[in-house]
């Protein structure tokens, strides 16, 4: 299929989006860390996360999940779904200091229409559960000051409507690729799928369009911009994502 599209003269950027779940409103599958692809509304309300009893342990995570967080990680974006079949979640960015993990504010988010899965496959409309590295960013808009490599392209364009009839335009103004079934160190639009096409791909953090996604996790535009200027590759950031019960294992 790739060869036929190239021969037809389809631009590389457009081709990459055609082969990702998010591009046709089907979130791409995450590579090393699990991610959800659902738009989070442009919400202004924020809450403060209660501190963990043990500052050296990320709140809400059980031993199985904690074991997947690399020792070198100093930034962890924790995406907690309401339940296994819910398209709504909350997001908190934690940074590890000499005093332990420090929490940022809590942001509302969307994930995939049918919730979460520990074995994501193409078209299942669920976000992958797991811990994945965050290594590359991009978007249709100019770089807002991202510390991650930022790939700006007009190919990050999206039209049409989502599952609830909401417009999808602007969803890819800012994106951060979740390293699930992708090659880190490449543009989020790269279509390489190490686990095979059937395991999905193109799972991103992107701008919320006010409805469920096909696999990605979506945040309000202002929150995405803040995330882009805060994530630091020197701190080895990861995303920890899944429903609350699964993350607590």
C-alpha atoms as a PDB file:
ATOM      1  CA  UNK A   1       0.000   0.000   0.000  1.00  0.00           C
ATOM      2  CA  UNK A   2       2.841   2.404   0.839  1.00  0.00           C
ATOM      3  CA  UNK A   3       4.444   1.834  -2.555  1.00  0.00           C
ATOM      4  CA  UNK A   4       1.170   2.497  -4.394  1.00  0.00           C
ATOM      5  CA  UNK A   5       0.613   5.736  -2.492  1.00  0.00           C
ATOM      6  CA  UNK A   6       4.154   6.914  -3.198  1.00  0.00           C
ATOM      7  CA  UNK A   7       3.759   6.188  -6.903  1.00  0.00           C
ATOM      8  CA  UNK A   8       0.516   8.119  -6.854  1.00  0.00           C
ATOM      9  CA  UNK A   9       2.460  11.162  -5.708  1.00  0.00           C
ATOM     10  CA  UNK A  10       1.035  11.408  -2.196  1.00  0.00           C
ATOM     11  CA  UNK A  11       3.313  13.749  -0.160  1.00  0.00           C
ATOM     12  CA  UNK A  12       5.329  12.006   2.539  1.00  0.00           C
ATOM     13  CA  UNK A  13       3.751  14.021   5.360  1.00  0.00           C
ATOM     14  CA  UNK A  14       0.243  13.249   4.168  1.00  0.00           C
ATOM     15  CA  UNK A  15       1.116   9.603   3.665  1.00  0.00           C
ATOM     16  CA  UNK A  16       2.404   9.375   7.215  1.00  0.00           C
ATOM     17  CA  UNK A  17      -0.874  10.725   8.566  1.00  0.00           C
ATOM     18  CA  UNK A  18      -2.892   8.349   6.413  1.00  0.00           C
ATOM     19  CA  UNK A  19      -1.054   5.480   8.050  1.00  0.00           C
ATOM     20  CA  UNK A  20      -1.680   6.637  11.609  1.00  0.00           C
ATOM     21  CA  UNK A  21      -4.764   6.075  13.686  1.00  0.00           C
ATOM     22  CA  UNK A  22      -5.064   9.708  14.760  1.00  0.00           C
ATOM     23  CA  UNK A  23      -4.873  11.094  11.240  1.00  0.00           C
ATOM     24  CA  UNK A  24      -8.182   9.576  10.182  1.00  0.00           C
ATOM     25  CA  UNK A  25      -9.405   9.935  13.759  1.00  0.00           C
ATOM     26  CA  UNK A  26      -7.974   6.531  14.585  1.00  0.00           C
ATOM     27  CA  UNK A  27      -5.248   7.031  17.214  1.00  0.00           C
ATOM     28  CA  UNK A  28      -1.929   5.412  16.397  1.00  0.00           C
ATOM     29  CA  UNK A  29      -0.658   2.692  18.695  1.00  0.00           C
ATOM     30  CA  UNK A  30       2.007   3.732  21.251  1.00  0.00           C
ATOM     31  CA  UNK A  31       5.450   2.106  21.128  1.00  0.00           C
ATOM     32  CA  UNK A  32       7.396   1.849  24.405  1.00  0.00           C
ATOM     33  CA  UNK A  33       4.809   3.451  26.643  1.00  0.00           C
ATOM     34  CA  UNK A  34       1.021   3.197  26.443  1.00  0.00           C
ATOM     35  CA  UNK A  35      -1.065   6.184  25.409  1.00  0.00           C
ATOM     36  CA  UNK A  36      -4.666   7.133  24.844  1.00  0.00           C
ATOM     37  CA  UNK A  37      -6.028   9.008  21.838  1.00  0.00           C
ATOM     38  CA  UNK A  38      -9.028  10.945  22.939  1.00  0.00           C
ATOM     39  CA  UNK A  39      -9.524  14.710  22.888  1.00  0.00           C
ATOM     40  CA  UNK A  40      -9.686  16.564  26.146  1.00  0.00           C
ATOM     41  CA  UNK A  41     -11.899  19.608  26.201  1.00  0.00           C
ATOM     42  CA  UNK A  42     -10.423  23.087  26.510  1.00  0.00           C
ATOM     43  CA  UNK A  43     -11.206  23.128  30.205  1.00  0.00           C
ATOM     44  CA  UNK A  44      -9.993  25.868  32.481  1.00  0.00           C
ATOM     45  CA  UNK A  45     -10.743  24.161  35.799  1.00  0.00           C
ATOM     46  CA  UNK A  46      -7.713  22.580  37.433  1.00  0.00           C
ATOM     47  CA  UNK A  47      -7.323  20.746  40.703  1.00  0.00           C
ATOM     48  CA  UNK A  48      -4.402  20.077  42.982  1.00  0.00           C
ATOM     49  CA  UNK A  49      -3.267  16.492  43.470  1.00  0.00           C
ATOM     50  CA  UNK A  50      -2.989  15.247  47.051  1.00  0.00           C
ATOM     51  CA  UNK A  51       0.590  14.339  47.980  1.00  0.00           C
ATOM     52  CA  UNK A  52       1.486  10.653  48.179  1.00  0.00           C
ATOM     53  CA  UNK A  53       2.153   9.124  51.593  1.00  0.00           C
ATOM     54  CA  UNK A  54       5.583   8.157  50.273  1.00  0.00           C
ATOM     55  CA  UNK A  55       7.099  10.957  48.137  1.00  0.00           C
ATOM     56  CA  UNK A  56       9.404   8.434  46.450  1.00  0.00           C
ATOM     57  CA  UNK A  57       6.458   6.502  45.001  1.00  0.00           C
ATOM     58  CA  UNK A  58       4.214   7.801  42.208  1.00  0.00           C
ATOM     59  CA  UNK A  59       0.649   7.998  43.605  1.00  0.00           C
ATOM     60  CA  UNK A  60      -1.911   5.499  42.346  1.00  0.00           C
ATOM     61  CA  UNK A  61       0.625   3.090  40.845  1.00  0.00           C
ATOM     62  CA  UNK A  62       1.031  -0.499  42.004  1.00  0.00           C
ATOM     63  CA  UNK A  63       4.239  -2.581  42.028  1.00  0.00           C
ATOM     64  CA  UNK A  64       3.717  -4.044  38.535  1.00  0.00           C
ATOM     65  CA  UNK A  65       3.309  -0.586  36.981  1.00  0.00           C
ATOM     66  CA  UNK A  66       6.082   1.017  39.023  1.00  0.00           C
ATOM     67  CA  UNK A  67       8.489  -1.700  37.904  1.00  0.00           C
ATOM     68  CA  UNK A  68       8.081  -0.469  34.292  1.00  0.00           C
ATOM     69  CA  UNK A  69       9.181   3.095  35.088  1.00  0.00           C
ATOM     70  CA  UNK A  70      12.902   3.393  34.228  1.00  0.00           C
ATOM     71  CA  UNK A  71      15.252   4.286  37.084  1.00  0.00           C
ATOM     72  CA  UNK A  72      16.564   7.245  35.079  1.00  0.00           C
ATOM     73  CA  UNK A  73      13.100   8.802  34.674  1.00  0.00           C
ATOM     74  CA  UNK A  74      12.671  12.168  36.384  1.00  0.00           C
ATOM     75  CA  UNK A  75       9.442  13.234  34.636  1.00  0.00           C
ATOM     76  CA  UNK A  76       6.344  11.018  34.553  1.00  0.00           C
ATOM     77  CA  UNK A  77       3.081  12.030  32.917  1.00  0.00           C
ATOM     78  CA  UNK A  78       0.431   9.892  34.626  1.00  0.00           C
ATOM     79  CA  UNK A  79      -2.819   9.443  32.657  1.00  0.00           C
ATOM     80  CA  UNK A  80      -5.495   7.800  34.824  1.00  0.00           C
ATOM     81  CA  UNK A  81      -8.728   6.629  33.215  1.00  0.00           C
ATOM     82  CA  UNK A  82     -11.986   6.658  35.160  1.00  0.00           C
ATOM     83  CA  UNK A  83     -12.519   2.957  34.456  1.00  0.00           C
ATOM     84  CA  UNK A  84     -11.624   0.295  31.883  1.00  0.00           C
ATOM     85  CA  UNK A  85     -14.421   1.320  29.480  1.00  0.00           C
ATOM     86  CA  UNK A  86     -14.416   5.091  30.007  1.00  0.00           C
ATOM     87  CA  UNK A  87     -13.206   7.692  27.509  1.00  0.00           C
ATOM     88  CA  UNK A  88     -12.423  10.218  30.257  1.00  0.00           C
ATOM     89  CA  UNK A  89      -9.231  10.487  32.262  1.00  0.00           C
ATOM     90  CA  UNK A  90      -7.091  12.863  34.293  1.00  0.00           C
ATOM     91  CA  UNK A  91      -3.465  13.814  33.697  1.00  0.00           C
ATOM     92  CA  UNK A  92      -0.759  14.875  36.150  1.00  0.00           C
ATOM     93  CA  UNK A  93       2.885  15.629  35.322  1.00  0.00           C
ATOM     94  CA  UNK A  94       5.226  14.556  38.129  1.00  0.00           C
ATOM     95  CA  UNK A  95       8.857  15.601  38.442  1.00  0.00           C
ATOM     96  CA  UNK A  96      11.314  13.788  40.680  1.00  0.00           C
ATOM     97  CA  UNK A  97      13.461  15.994  42.922  1.00  0.00           C
ATOM     98  CA  UNK A  98      15.694  15.404  45.935  1.00  0.00           C
ATOM     99  CA  UNK A  99      12.500  15.471  48.007  1.00  0.00           C
ATOM    100  CA  UNK A 100      10.745  12.824  45.910  1.00  0.00           C
ATOM    101  CA  UNK A 101       8.036  13.063  43.242  1.00  0.00           C
ATOM    102  CA  UNK A 102       6.408  16.496  43.027  1.00  0.00           C
ATOM    103  CA  UNK A 103       2.984  16.773  41.358  1.00  0.00           C
ATOM    104  CA  UNK A 104       1.812  19.463  38.996  1.00  0.00           C
ATOM    105  CA  UNK A 105      -1.839  20.412  38.594  1.00  0.00           C
ATOM    106  CA  UNK A 106      -4.450  17.861  37.522  1.00  0.00           C
ATOM    107  CA  UNK A 107      -5.792  18.286  33.981  1.00  0.00           C
ATOM    108  CA  UNK A 108      -8.893  16.674  32.445  1.00  0.00           C
ATOM    109  CA  UNK A 109      -8.317  14.589  29.317  1.00  0.00           C
ATOM    110  CA  UNK A 110      -9.957  12.227  26.863  1.00  0.00           C
ATOM    111  CA  UNK A 111      -8.785   8.796  25.787  1.00  0.00           C
ATOM    112  CA  UNK A 112     -10.158   6.218  23.336  1.00  0.00           C
ATOM    113  CA  UNK A 113     -13.904   5.778  22.817  1.00  0.00           C
ATOM    114  CA  UNK A 114     -14.067   2.284  24.339  1.00  0.00           C
ATOM    115  CA  UNK A 115     -11.544   2.898  27.106  1.00  0.00           C
ATOM    116  CA  UNK A 116      -8.358   0.901  27.714  1.00  0.00           C
ATOM    117  CA  UNK A 117      -6.667  -2.354  26.792  1.00  0.00           C
ATOM    118  CA  UNK A 118      -3.480  -4.196  27.736  1.00  0.00           C
ATOM    119  CA  UNK A 119      -3.198  -5.567  24.177  1.00  0.00           C
ATOM    120  CA  UNK A 120      -3.896  -2.789  21.705  1.00  0.00           C
ATOM    121  CA  UNK A 121      -4.661  -3.739  18.093  1.00  0.00           C
ATOM    122  CA  UNK A 122      -5.498  -1.585  15.112  1.00  0.00           C
ATOM    123  CA  UNK A 123      -9.088  -0.339  15.166  1.00  0.00           C
ATOM    124  CA  UNK A 124     -10.061  -1.598  18.639  1.00  0.00           C
ATOM    125  CA  UNK A 125     -10.929   1.968  19.736  1.00  0.00           C
ATOM    126  CA  UNK A 126      -9.056   1.480  23.007  1.00  0.00           C
ATOM    127  CA  UNK A 127      -5.959   3.205  24.349  1.00  0.00           C
ATOM    128  CA  UNK A 128      -2.967   1.032  25.268  1.00  0.00           C
ATOM    129  CA  UNK A 129      -2.176   0.549  28.945  1.00  0.00           C
ATOM    130  CA  UNK A 130       1.479   0.826  29.887  1.00  0.00           C
ATOM    131  CA  UNK A 131       4.569   2.950  30.392  1.00  0.00           C
ATOM    132  CA  UNK A 132       6.112   4.554  27.302  1.00  0.00           C
ATOM    133  CA  UNK A 133       8.912   6.982  26.620  1.00  0.00           C
ATOM    134  CA  UNK A 134       8.236  10.434  25.162  1.00  0.00           C
ATOM    135  CA  UNK A 135      10.924  11.446  22.692  1.00  0.00           C
ATOM    136  CA  UNK A 136       9.437  13.509  19.829  1.00  0.00           C
ATOM    137  CA  UNK A 137       6.919  16.291  19.311  1.00  0.00           C
ATOM    138  CA  UNK A 138       5.474  18.295  16.446  1.00  0.00           C
ATOM    139  CA  UNK A 139       2.424  20.012  15.102  1.00  0.00           C
ATOM    140  CA  UNK A 140       0.819  22.288  12.559  1.00  0.00           C
ATOM    141  CA  UNK A 141       1.727  25.398  14.565  1.00  0.00           C
ATOM    142  CA  UNK A 142       5.241  26.783  15.056  1.00  0.00           C
ATOM    143  CA  UNK A 143       7.374  25.384  17.868  1.00  0.00           C
ATOM    144  CA  UNK A 144       6.213  27.037  21.132  1.00  0.00           C
ATOM    145  CA  UNK A 145       9.597  26.352  22.741  1.00  0.00           C
ATOM    146  CA  UNK A 146       9.564  22.567  22.992  1.00  0.00           C
ATOM    147  CA  UNK A 147      12.574  20.900  24.598  1.00  0.00           C
ATOM    148  CA  UNK A 148      11.786  17.699  22.702  1.00  0.00           C
ATOM    149  CA  UNK A 149      12.696  17.671  18.988  1.00  0.00           C
ATOM    150  CA  UNK A 150       9.802  19.492  17.285  1.00  0.00           C
ATOM    151  CA  UNK A 151       8.688  18.590  13.751  1.00  0.00           C
ATOM    152  CA  UNK A 152       6.506  21.352  12.303  1.00  0.00           C
ATOM    153  CA  UNK A 153       4.484  20.448   9.219  1.00  0.00           C
ATOM    154  CA  UNK A 154       1.283  21.447   7.451  1.00  0.00           C
ATOM    155  CA  UNK A 155       0.705  17.691   7.236  1.00  0.00           C
ATOM    156  CA  UNK A 156      -0.535  17.819  10.838  1.00  0.00           C
ATOM    157  CA  UNK A 157      -3.932  18.872   9.547  1.00  0.00           C
ATOM    158  CA  UNK A 158      -7.215  17.180  10.319  1.00  0.00           C
ATOM    159  CA  UNK A 159     -10.791  17.782   9.228  1.00  0.00           C
ATOM    160  CA  UNK A 160     -14.171  16.156   9.689  1.00  0.00           C
ATOM    161  CA  UNK A 161     -16.013  15.367  12.897  1.00  0.00           C
ATOM    162  CA  UNK A 162     -15.448  13.096  15.871  1.00  0.00           C
ATOM    163  CA  UNK A 163     -17.593  10.449  17.549  1.00  0.00           C
ATOM    164  CA  UNK A 164     -19.894  13.048  19.112  1.00  0.00           C
ATOM    165  CA  UNK A 165     -20.118  15.294  16.052  1.00  0.00           C
ATOM    166  CA  UNK A 166     -17.431  17.669  17.308  1.00  0.00           C
ATOM    167  CA  UNK A 167     -15.072  19.323  14.748  1.00  0.00           C
ATOM    168  CA  UNK A 168     -11.600  17.781  14.614  1.00  0.00           C
ATOM    169  CA  UNK A 169      -9.828  20.813  13.114  1.00  0.00           C
ATOM    170  CA  UNK A 170      -6.873  21.916  15.224  1.00  0.00           C
ATOM    171  CA  UNK A 171      -6.430  18.586  17.015  1.00  0.00           C
ATOM    172  CA  UNK A 172      -2.870  18.258  15.723  1.00  0.00           C
ATOM    173  CA  UNK A 173      -1.799  21.867  16.289  1.00  0.00           C
ATOM    174  CA  UNK A 174       0.485  20.366  18.970  1.00  0.00           C
ATOM    175  CA  UNK A 175       1.337  16.692  19.421  1.00  0.00           C
ATOM    176  CA  UNK A 176       3.739  14.558  21.442  1.00  0.00           C
ATOM    177  CA  UNK A 177       4.340  11.065  20.090  1.00  0.00           C
ATOM    178  CA  UNK A 178       3.920   8.222  22.563  1.00  0.00           C
ATOM    179  CA  UNK A 179       6.643   5.690  21.823  1.00  0.00           C
ATOM    180  CA  UNK A 180       4.288   2.773  21.298  1.00  0.00           C
ATOM    181  CA  UNK A 181       5.024   0.734  18.170  1.00  0.00           C
ATOM    182  CA  UNK A 182       7.147   3.495  16.667  1.00  0.00           C
ATOM    183  CA  UNK A 183      10.800   4.395  16.184  1.00  0.00           C
ATOM    184  CA  UNK A 184      11.886   6.989  18.797  1.00  0.00           C
ATOM    185  CA  UNK A 185      13.938   9.832  17.365  1.00  0.00           C
ATOM    186  CA  UNK A 186      11.720  10.267  14.301  1.00  0.00           C
ATOM    187  CA  UNK A 187       8.866  12.627  13.446  1.00  0.00           C
ATOM    188  CA  UNK A 188       5.491  11.672  14.978  1.00  0.00           C
ATOM    189  CA  UNK A 189       4.396  11.260  11.352  1.00  0.00           C
ATOM    190  CA  UNK A 190       6.851   8.417  10.723  1.00  0.00           C
ATOM    191  CA  UNK A 191       4.884   5.230   9.898  1.00  0.00           C
ATOM    192  CA  UNK A 192       7.491   2.630  10.946  1.00  0.00           C
ATOM    193  CA  UNK A 193       5.741  -0.022  13.089  1.00  0.00           C
ATOM    194  CA  UNK A 194       8.265  -2.374  14.792  1.00  0.00           C
ATOM    195  CA  UNK A 195       5.495  -4.599  16.179  1.00  0.00           C
ATOM    196  CA  UNK A 196       3.682  -4.771  12.836  1.00  0.00           C
ATOM    197  CA  UNK A 197       0.785  -2.759  11.414  1.00  0.00           C
ATOM    198  CA  UNK A 198      -1.857  -4.837  13.213  1.00  0.00           C
ATOM    199  CA  UNK A 199      -0.636  -3.566  16.590  1.00  0.00           C
ATOM    200  CA  UNK A 200      -1.579  -0.037  15.605  1.00  0.00           C
ATOM    201  CA  UNK A 201       0.511   3.082  15.874  1.00  0.00           C
ATOM    202  CA  UNK A 202       0.356   6.866  15.826  1.00  0.00           C
ATOM    203  CA  UNK A 203      -0.693   7.076  19.461  1.00  0.00           C
ATOM    204  CA  UNK A 204      -0.176  10.666  20.454  1.00  0.00           C
ATOM    205  CA  UNK A 205      -0.853  13.262  23.088  1.00  0.00           C
ATOM    206  CA  UNK A 206      -2.648  15.981  21.147  1.00  0.00           C
ATOM    207  CA  UNK A 207      -5.069  18.909  21.419  1.00  0.00           C
ATOM    208  CA  UNK A 208      -8.512  18.006  22.720  1.00  0.00           C
ATOM    209  CA  UNK A 209     -11.399  18.182  20.263  1.00  0.00           C
ATOM    210  CA  UNK A 210     -14.070  17.748  22.935  1.00  0.00           C
ATOM    211  CA  UNK A 211     -14.773  14.064  22.477  1.00  0.00           C
ATOM    212  CA  UNK A 212     -13.373  10.516  22.642  1.00  0.00           C
ATOM    213  CA  UNK A 213     -10.418   9.519  20.496  1.00  0.00           C
ATOM    214  CA  UNK A 214      -9.562   6.309  18.666  1.00  0.00           C
ATOM    215  CA  UNK A 215      -6.565   5.599  20.892  1.00  0.00           C
ATOM    216  CA  UNK A 216      -4.740   8.838  21.713  1.00  0.00           C
ATOM    217  CA  UNK A 217      -4.902  11.043  24.808  1.00  0.00           C
ATOM    218  CA  UNK A 218      -6.044  14.629  24.296  1.00  0.00           C
ATOM    219  CA  UNK A 219      -5.566  17.721  26.434  1.00  0.00           C
ATOM    220  CA  UNK A 220      -6.717  21.335  26.240  1.00  0.00           C
ATOM    221  CA  UNK A 221      -4.581  23.384  23.859  1.00  0.00           C
ATOM    222  CA  UNK A 222      -3.066  25.492  26.631  1.00  0.00           C
ATOM    223  CA  UNK A 223      -2.133  22.379  28.573  1.00  0.00           C
ATOM    224  CA  UNK A 224      -0.486  20.830  25.511  1.00  0.00           C
ATOM    225  CA  UNK A 225       1.558  23.982  25.020  1.00  0.00           C
ATOM    226  CA  UNK A 226       2.622  23.911  28.684  1.00  0.00           C
ATOM    227  CA  UNK A 227       3.548  20.249  28.369  1.00  0.00           C
ATOM    228  CA  UNK A 228       5.691  20.913  25.305  1.00  0.00           C
ATOM    229  CA  UNK A 229       7.781  23.571  27.040  1.00  0.00           C
ATOM    230  CA  UNK A 230       8.122  21.480  30.231  1.00  0.00           C
ATOM    231  CA  UNK A 231       9.014  17.963  29.036  1.00  0.00           C
ATOM    232  CA  UNK A 232      12.785  17.690  29.125  1.00  0.00           C
ATOM    233  CA  UNK A 233      14.666  14.887  27.315  1.00  0.00           C
ATOM    234  CA  UNK A 234      17.459  15.180  29.917  1.00  0.00           C
ATOM    235  CA  UNK A 235      14.908  14.023  32.524  1.00  0.00           C
ATOM    236  CA  UNK A 236      13.966  10.939  30.472  1.00  0.00           C
ATOM    237  CA  UNK A 237      10.199  11.575  30.433  1.00  0.00           C
ATOM    238  CA  UNK A 238       7.643   8.776  30.196  1.00  0.00           C
ATOM    239  CA  UNK A 239       3.882   8.535  30.064  1.00  0.00           C
ATOM    240  CA  UNK A 240       2.179   6.089  32.431  1.00  0.00           C
ATOM    241  CA  UNK A 241      -1.327   5.432  31.155  1.00  0.00           C
ATOM    242  CA  UNK A 242      -4.314   3.244  31.815  1.00  0.00           C
ATOM    243  CA  UNK A 243      -7.476   2.926  33.874  1.00  0.00           C
ATOM    244  CA  UNK A 244      -7.103   3.433  37.632  1.00  0.00           C
ATOM    245  CA  UNK A 245      -7.543  -0.259  38.521  1.00  0.00           C
ATOM    246  CA  UNK A 246      -4.949  -1.411  35.999  1.00  0.00           C
ATOM    247  CA  UNK A 247      -2.374   1.182  37.083  1.00  0.00           C
ATOM    248  CA  UNK A 248      -2.833   0.197  40.727  1.00  0.00           C
ATOM    249  CA  UNK A 249      -1.629  -3.382  40.070  1.00  0.00           C
END
